Structures are given as C-alpha cells and as structure tokens.
Amino acid sequence: MSRKSSDPRNVVKNGFKSIKIITFIGVSFLLLTQVAVAGELKTVDKVPTAYNVSKLSYLVDRQIPAGYVKANYKAIYAPYTQSRAPSPKDLSLQEAAEIAAQEIFKFSDVTLDNQTLQMSYSPQAGQSSSTWWAQVDITPFYSFSVEVDGGTGELIRSKCTGGPNIDNEFVIDSPSADKLISERLDAGTKQFTLDGSYAKVENLITKKGYITEPIKSITYQWISADAFAVISHTFDVTTSSNKLYRVALSQDLTQLRDYYRVLSTENK
C-alpha cells in the first residue's frame, strides 16, 4: 500500500462475557462490545521512584532508567504550543525534554540519537498545575508521545503509535488500510486467550517500574488497532490503594503501547 498522509496462581478468571473492538483511523473508530475479566494478583515489591524536582537537581533526584545514556537529540517548541514561556516554577524546555527522553527509553528501550523532540507547554487555566507534552517521530510510521506534569516532571502518559517495521507505502485512511485493520482485529480477537495474560501484564509493568505498590487486580478491557494496523490489548490495573492505571500491550503482550493513570473523575 502507499502512504497518505496470568495468569498468576491466584487469578480468578470469569471468562469472556463480550468483546469490545476499537480501531482509530484518523477520527473514525470501530466499536463492538466489551470484555471484562478481573483477576486477583499476588503482591509485588515496591519500586522507589522519585520526582523531587528542584530545577538543576531534578535529574539527580528522579530515578533514571537503568542503562539510560543521554542521547544526542534536539528539543524544539512544537508550532501549536500554547505558551513558549513556562512559569518560573515549572520545568524548562530542556528539562522537560530530557525527562521525556528518559521515559521513552524506559517505555521501549528506544534512544533518541539524532531525533527531534517537539515540545508543547500548557498552563492549566485557574489551576496551579501545568503540562509538558513531547512528540517524536522515529520514522513517519513510528512515533512516541509523552505527557508529564509541568512542575514535577511526574509521568502522566506515555504512548507509541505504529512501529519500526511498518511498510513505508502504508496509506492512512485508505480503503486498503481499513480492510487490513479489520482483518487484523478479527484475527487478533480469535487468537487472543486470557491464559497467562495477567502474568505477562504484571511482569512487564512491574519490571519497567510503573507500579510502585501491590497490585490488587487486573481487568481485560479491549482489543484495538492504531492507524497503522498495529494491534494492542488494553488492561486496567488496580493497586492496593485503589489507584487505577490503564495499560495497552502489543498483540503478543511483550511490549508496552500505552500507559497512563486513570483519574478518579474519568469514566471507564
């Protein structure tokens, strides 16, 4: 095509009740019914993470991912950024970009040598908080986005789209792309099994250090495909203190595709 544009030992399985399939092609999506299967999981060790940011010392205080080496990347303001003058109490462009680079490495082991991070800063009207967004296109078909708290550098969301092996002739929003996405979703739904899935989710997110307290349950939510027909499985992870995290993993459940904390006001 051409381009346009767990099963842990104590898990409780409730079985498939229904299926939700979501695919995003531009702003369009395909939606069927939802799968919800909850599982009680074993306690996991706490992984200390610090975001005690004090300007020049923040990179020392926060936990840098194991094996990370600062890459030779460039950080620029995205054309659409709302503000190019961060509050004096917030992270600078360079500081936010370095946190984003570390988070991308933690998320996927991808380094950003010779890449350009497009940064966007947004103060929250009427609130003391602000947000930094980072977007980097590794290739035209493989990108990462990171959202962090503008003042503390704490991760809000990390996500990737596409992949390193996408056909460079891929056409987004074309009939052939739609057909490929539908075919892959259909095959993925038929092939997916819950056997061992909870253990894989737990092992991946705890190994990466995203969950810092015992996990109470994991619930399977849906199968989806992005605009490049890359399949993901999404799970909700609830901790012992009832914090809720939503994570999407690759079709074989070996790589993260999306991660973020679900706010208490957000509808599931």
Protein backbone atom coordinates (compact mmCIF):
# COMPACT_ATOMS: atom_id res chain seq x y z
CA MET A 1 0.00 0.00 0.00
CA SER A 2 1.09 3.63 -0.50
CA ARG A 3 1.13 6.20 2.30
CA LYS A 4 -1.35 9.01 2.58
CA SER A 5 -0.98 11.38 4.82
CA SER A 6 -1.94 -14.67 34.02
CA ASP A 7 -2.43 -15.96 34.73
CA PRO A 8 -0.79 -15.85 38.23
CA ARG A 9 -1.58 -18.69 40.58
CA ASN A 10 -4.34 -16.81 42.39
CA VAL A 11 -6.01 -15.12 39.45
CA VAL A 12 -9.78 -15.50 39.11
CA LYS A 13 -10.97 -15.98 35.53
CA ASN A 14 -14.55 -15.03 34.77
CA GLY A 15 -14.32 -15.85 31.07
CA PHE A 16 -15.34 -13.84 28.02
CA LYS A 17 -18.64 -12.09 28.51
CA SER A 18 -18.49 -9.90 25.44
CA ILE A 19 -15.97 -8.25 23.15
CA LYS A 20 -15.04 -4.62 22.57
CA ILE A 21 -13.02 -3.82 19.48
CA ILE A 22 -11.80 -0.28 18.93
CA THR A 23 -9.77 0.98 15.99
CA PHE A 24 -8.79 4.56 15.30
CA ILE A 25 -8.29 5.67 11.69
CA GLY A 26 -7.96 9.42 11.89
CA VAL A 27 -11.05 10.22 13.96
CA SER A 28 -13.06 7.14 13.00
CA PHE A 29 -13.38 4.02 15.11
CA LEU A 30 -14.98 0.58 15.15
CA LEU A 31 -16.70 -0.34 18.41
CA LEU A 32 -18.17 -3.66 19.47
CA THR A 33 -18.99 -4.92 22.97
CA GLN A 34 -16.60 -5.07 25.92
CA VAL A 35 -14.63 -7.86 27.50
CA ALA A 36 -14.21 -7.58 31.26
CA VAL A 37 -12.33 -10.22 33.18
CA ALA A 38 -10.96 -9.42 36.62
CA GLY A 39 -8.08 -11.16 38.35
CA GLU A 40 -6.69 -11.02 41.87
CA LEU A 41 -2.91 -10.87 41.72
CA LYS A 42 -0.06 -11.54 44.09
CA THR A 43 1.72 -8.75 45.95
CA VAL A 44 4.66 -7.21 44.15
CA ASP A 45 7.72 -5.47 45.55
CA LYS A 46 7.70 -1.70 45.66
CA VAL A 47 9.95 0.09 43.19
CA PRO A 48 11.07 3.50 44.51
CA THR A 49 10.52 6.35 42.09
CA ALA A 50 11.36 9.96 42.94
CA TYR A 51 10.21 13.09 41.15
CA ASN A 52 11.64 15.54 43.67
CA VAL A 53 12.36 18.23 41.13
CA SER A 54 14.34 21.30 42.06
CA LYS A 55 15.41 22.66 38.69
CA LEU A 56 19.09 21.80 38.25
CA SER A 57 19.00 18.87 40.67
CA TYR A 58 15.92 17.11 39.28
CA LEU A 59 17.89 14.65 37.12
CA VAL A 60 19.81 13.56 40.19
CA ASP A 61 16.73 13.19 42.37
CA ARG A 62 14.49 11.26 39.97
CA GLN A 63 15.13 7.63 39.19
CA ILE A 64 16.89 7.39 35.84
CA PRO A 65 16.06 4.20 33.89
CA ALA A 66 18.73 1.50 34.11
CA GLY A 67 21.01 1.62 31.10
CA TYR A 68 19.93 5.08 30.00
CA VAL A 69 22.55 7.31 28.38
CA LYS A 70 21.62 10.84 27.34
CA ALA A 71 21.14 10.85 23.58
CA ASN A 72 22.13 13.48 21.05
CA TYR A 73 18.62 14.77 20.39
CA LYS A 74 17.24 18.24 19.66
CA ALA A 75 14.32 19.78 21.58
CA ILE A 76 12.19 22.48 19.94
CA TYR A 77 8.82 24.07 20.56
CA ALA A 78 6.02 22.49 18.54
CA PRO A 79 4.30 25.00 16.23
CA TYR A 80 0.99 24.58 18.05
CA THR A 81 2.27 25.02 21.61
CA GLN A 82 0.08 27.36 23.67
CA SER A 83 2.92 29.04 25.52
CA ARG A 84 6.64 29.47 24.96
CA ALA A 85 7.28 30.98 28.36
CA PRO A 86 6.97 28.35 31.12
CA SER A 87 6.28 29.59 34.61
CA PRO A 88 9.48 30.14 36.62
CA LYS A 89 8.40 27.34 38.95
CA ASP A 90 7.96 24.88 36.08
CA LEU A 91 10.41 22.80 34.09
CA SER A 92 12.23 24.42 31.23
CA LEU A 93 12.02 23.12 27.67
CA GLN A 94 15.33 21.29 28.03
CA GLU A 95 14.44 19.76 31.40
CA ALA A 96 11.05 18.51 30.20
CA ALA A 97 12.60 17.11 27.02
CA GLU A 98 15.20 15.15 28.99
CA ILE A 99 12.51 13.65 31.22
CA ALA A 100 10.56 12.70 28.09
CA ALA A 101 13.65 11.10 26.55
CA GLN A 102 14.17 9.05 29.70
CA GLU A 103 10.53 8.00 29.76
CA ILE A 104 10.67 6.89 26.11
CA PHE A 105 13.73 4.79 26.87
CA LYS A 106 12.02 3.31 29.93
CA PHE A 107 8.89 2.62 27.88
CA SER A 108 10.52 0.97 24.88
CA ASP A 109 14.35 0.98 25.14
CA VAL A 110 14.42 3.40 22.19
CA THR A 111 17.18 6.02 22.27
CA LEU A 112 16.76 9.36 20.55
CA ASP A 113 20.10 9.96 18.87
CA ASN A 114 19.69 12.47 16.03
CA GLN A 115 15.95 12.79 16.71
CA THR A 116 13.88 15.93 17.28
CA LEU A 117 11.53 16.22 20.23
CA GLN A 118 8.67 18.64 19.57
CA MET A 119 7.66 20.12 22.92
CA SER A 120 4.42 21.79 23.93
CA TYR A 121 3.83 23.57 27.23
CA SER A 122 0.37 24.30 28.56
CA PRO A 123 -0.52 26.01 31.84
CA GLN A 124 -3.87 24.92 33.22
CA ALA A 125 -6.25 27.87 33.44
CA GLY A 126 -7.30 28.58 37.01
CA GLN A 127 -5.06 25.83 38.38
CA SER A 128 -1.59 25.65 39.83
CA SER A 129 -0.62 22.75 37.57
CA SER A 130 0.76 22.74 34.05
CA THR A 131 1.70 20.14 31.45
CA TRP A 132 4.55 19.43 29.08
CA TRP A 133 3.95 17.24 26.01
CA ALA A 134 6.70 15.70 23.91
CA GLN A 135 6.27 14.16 20.46
CA VAL A 136 8.99 12.45 18.45
CA ASP A 137 8.71 10.71 15.08
CA ILE A 138 11.30 7.98 14.88
CA THR A 139 10.08 7.33 11.33
CA PRO A 140 6.97 8.63 9.54
CA PHE A 141 5.30 5.42 10.74
CA TYR A 142 6.67 5.09 14.29
CA SER A 143 6.24 7.81 16.92
CA PHE A 144 6.19 8.37 20.67
CA SER A 145 4.30 10.89 22.79
CA VAL A 146 4.93 11.67 26.45
CA GLU A 147 2.95 13.86 28.83
CA VAL A 148 4.45 14.99 32.15
CA ASP A 149 3.47 17.32 34.96
CA GLY A 150 4.95 20.72 34.14
CA GLY A 151 6.14 21.35 37.67
CA THR A 152 7.29 18.00 38.99
CA GLY A 153 8.12 16.04 35.85
CA GLU A 154 5.90 13.19 37.02
CA LEU A 155 4.76 10.97 34.15
CA ILE A 156 1.13 11.33 33.14
CA ARG A 157 1.10 9.31 29.94
CA SER A 158 3.45 7.53 27.57
CA LYS A 159 2.34 6.09 24.23
CA CYS A 160 3.69 4.82 20.93
CA THR A 161 1.99 4.66 17.53
CA GLY A 162 2.94 2.47 14.59
CA GLY A 163 6.18 0.54 14.66
CA PRO A 164 9.70 0.20 13.27
CA ASN A 165 8.72 -2.29 10.57
CA ILE A 166 5.71 -0.56 9.02
CA ASP A 167 5.54 -0.69 5.22
CA ASN A 168 6.77 2.69 4.01
CA GLU A 169 4.00 2.67 1.41
CA PHE A 170 1.22 2.49 4.02
CA VAL A 171 -1.77 4.73 3.27
CA ILE A 172 -3.67 6.03 6.31
CA ASP A 173 -7.46 6.28 5.89
CA SER A 174 -7.40 4.37 2.61
CA PRO A 175 -9.85 1.50 1.88
CA SER A 176 -6.93 -0.94 1.85
CA ALA A 177 -5.82 0.27 5.29
CA ASP A 178 -9.36 -0.08 6.61
CA LYS A 179 -9.51 -3.62 5.25
CA LEU A 180 -6.15 -4.56 6.77
CA ILE A 181 -7.15 -3.19 10.17
CA SER A 182 -10.44 -5.10 10.14
CA GLU A 183 -8.66 -8.31 9.14
CA ARG A 184 -6.04 -7.96 11.87
CA LEU A 185 -8.64 -7.13 14.52
CA ASP A 186 -10.70 -10.14 13.53
CA ALA A 187 -7.67 -12.44 13.62
CA GLY A 188 -6.43 -10.92 16.88
CA THR A 189 -9.79 -11.44 18.56
CA LYS A 190 -9.88 -15.09 17.55
CA GLN A 191 -6.29 -15.73 18.57
CA PHE A 192 -6.30 -13.93 21.91
CA THR A 193 -6.52 -16.01 25.07
CA LEU A 194 -6.53 -14.94 28.71
CA ASP A 195 -4.31 -17.87 29.65
CA GLY A 196 -1.12 -16.36 31.04
CA SER A 197 -2.07 -12.82 30.02
CA TYR A 198 -2.35 -11.40 33.52
CA ALA A 199 1.08 -12.70 34.49
CA LYS A 200 2.58 -11.12 31.36
CA VAL A 201 0.95 -7.76 32.12
CA GLU A 202 2.06 -7.83 35.74
CA ASN A 203 5.60 -8.90 34.92
CA LEU A 204 6.06 -6.22 32.25
CA ILE A 205 4.72 -3.22 34.14
CA THR A 206 6.46 -4.13 37.41
CA LYS A 207 9.75 -4.87 35.64
CA LYS A 208 9.54 -1.46 33.97
CA GLY A 209 8.86 0.12 37.38
CA TYR A 210 5.48 1.67 36.56
CA ILE A 211 3.60 0.26 39.54
CA THR A 212 5.08 1.13 42.94
CA GLU A 213 2.68 -0.72 45.22
CA PRO A 214 0.98 -4.15 45.40
CA ILE A 215 -1.43 -4.93 42.57
CA LYS A 216 -4.94 -5.89 43.61
CA SER A 217 -6.46 -6.79 40.26
CA ILE A 218 -6.10 -6.68 36.50
CA THR A 219 -9.10 -6.42 34.17
CA TYR A 220 -9.01 -7.04 30.43
CA GLN A 221 -10.75 -4.22 28.58
CA TRP A 222 -10.49 -4.38 24.78
CA ILE A 223 -8.52 -5.13 21.64
CA SER A 224 -7.68 -2.21 19.35
CA ALA A 225 -5.64 -1.17 16.32
CA ASP A 226 -3.98 2.14 15.55
CA ALA A 227 -3.94 3.87 12.18
CA PHE A 228 -1.07 1.63 11.06
CA ALA A 229 -2.98 -1.59 11.88
CA VAL A 230 -0.80 -2.34 14.93
CA ILE A 231 -2.83 -4.44 17.38
CA SER A 232 -2.93 -3.75 21.13
CA HIS A 233 -4.66 -5.32 24.13
CA THR A 234 -5.74 -2.92 26.88
CA PHE A 235 -5.93 -3.78 30.59
CA ASP A 236 -6.93 -1.86 33.71
CA VAL A 237 -4.61 -2.36 36.67
CA THR A 238 -5.86 -1.56 40.18
CA THR A 239 -3.44 -1.24 43.08
CA SER A 240 -3.97 -1.99 46.76
CA SER A 241 -4.75 1.69 47.39
CA ASN A 242 -7.33 1.61 44.56
CA LYS A 243 -5.29 3.66 42.11
CA LEU A 244 -6.24 2.76 38.56
CA TYR A 245 -3.81 2.53 35.67
CA ARG A 246 -4.66 1.72 32.05
CA VAL A 247 -2.01 -0.08 30.03
CA ALA A 248 -2.01 -1.32 26.45
CA LEU A 249 0.37 -4.06 25.35
CA SER A 250 1.38 -5.36 21.94
CA GLN A 251 -0.51 -8.28 20.41
CA ASP A 252 1.93 -10.80 21.93
CA LEU A 253 1.89 -8.93 25.28
CA THR A 254 5.65 -8.35 25.25
CA GLN A 255 5.83 -4.57 24.64
CA LEU A 256 4.07 -1.53 26.05
CA ARG A 257 1.92 0.50 23.66
CA ASP A 258 0.21 2.92 26.07
CA TYR A 259 0.34 3.72 29.79
CA TYR A 260 -1.44 6.28 31.92
CA ARG A 261 -3.04 6.88 35.30
CA VAL A 262 -6.83 6.98 35.16
CA LEU A 263 -8.17 9.93 37.14
CA SER A 264 -10.94 9.24 39.62
CA THR A 265 -13.28 11.51 37.64
CA GLU A 266 -12.71 9.64 34.38
CA ASN A 267 -15.42 7.30 33.18
CA LYS A 268 -14.13 3.84 32.39
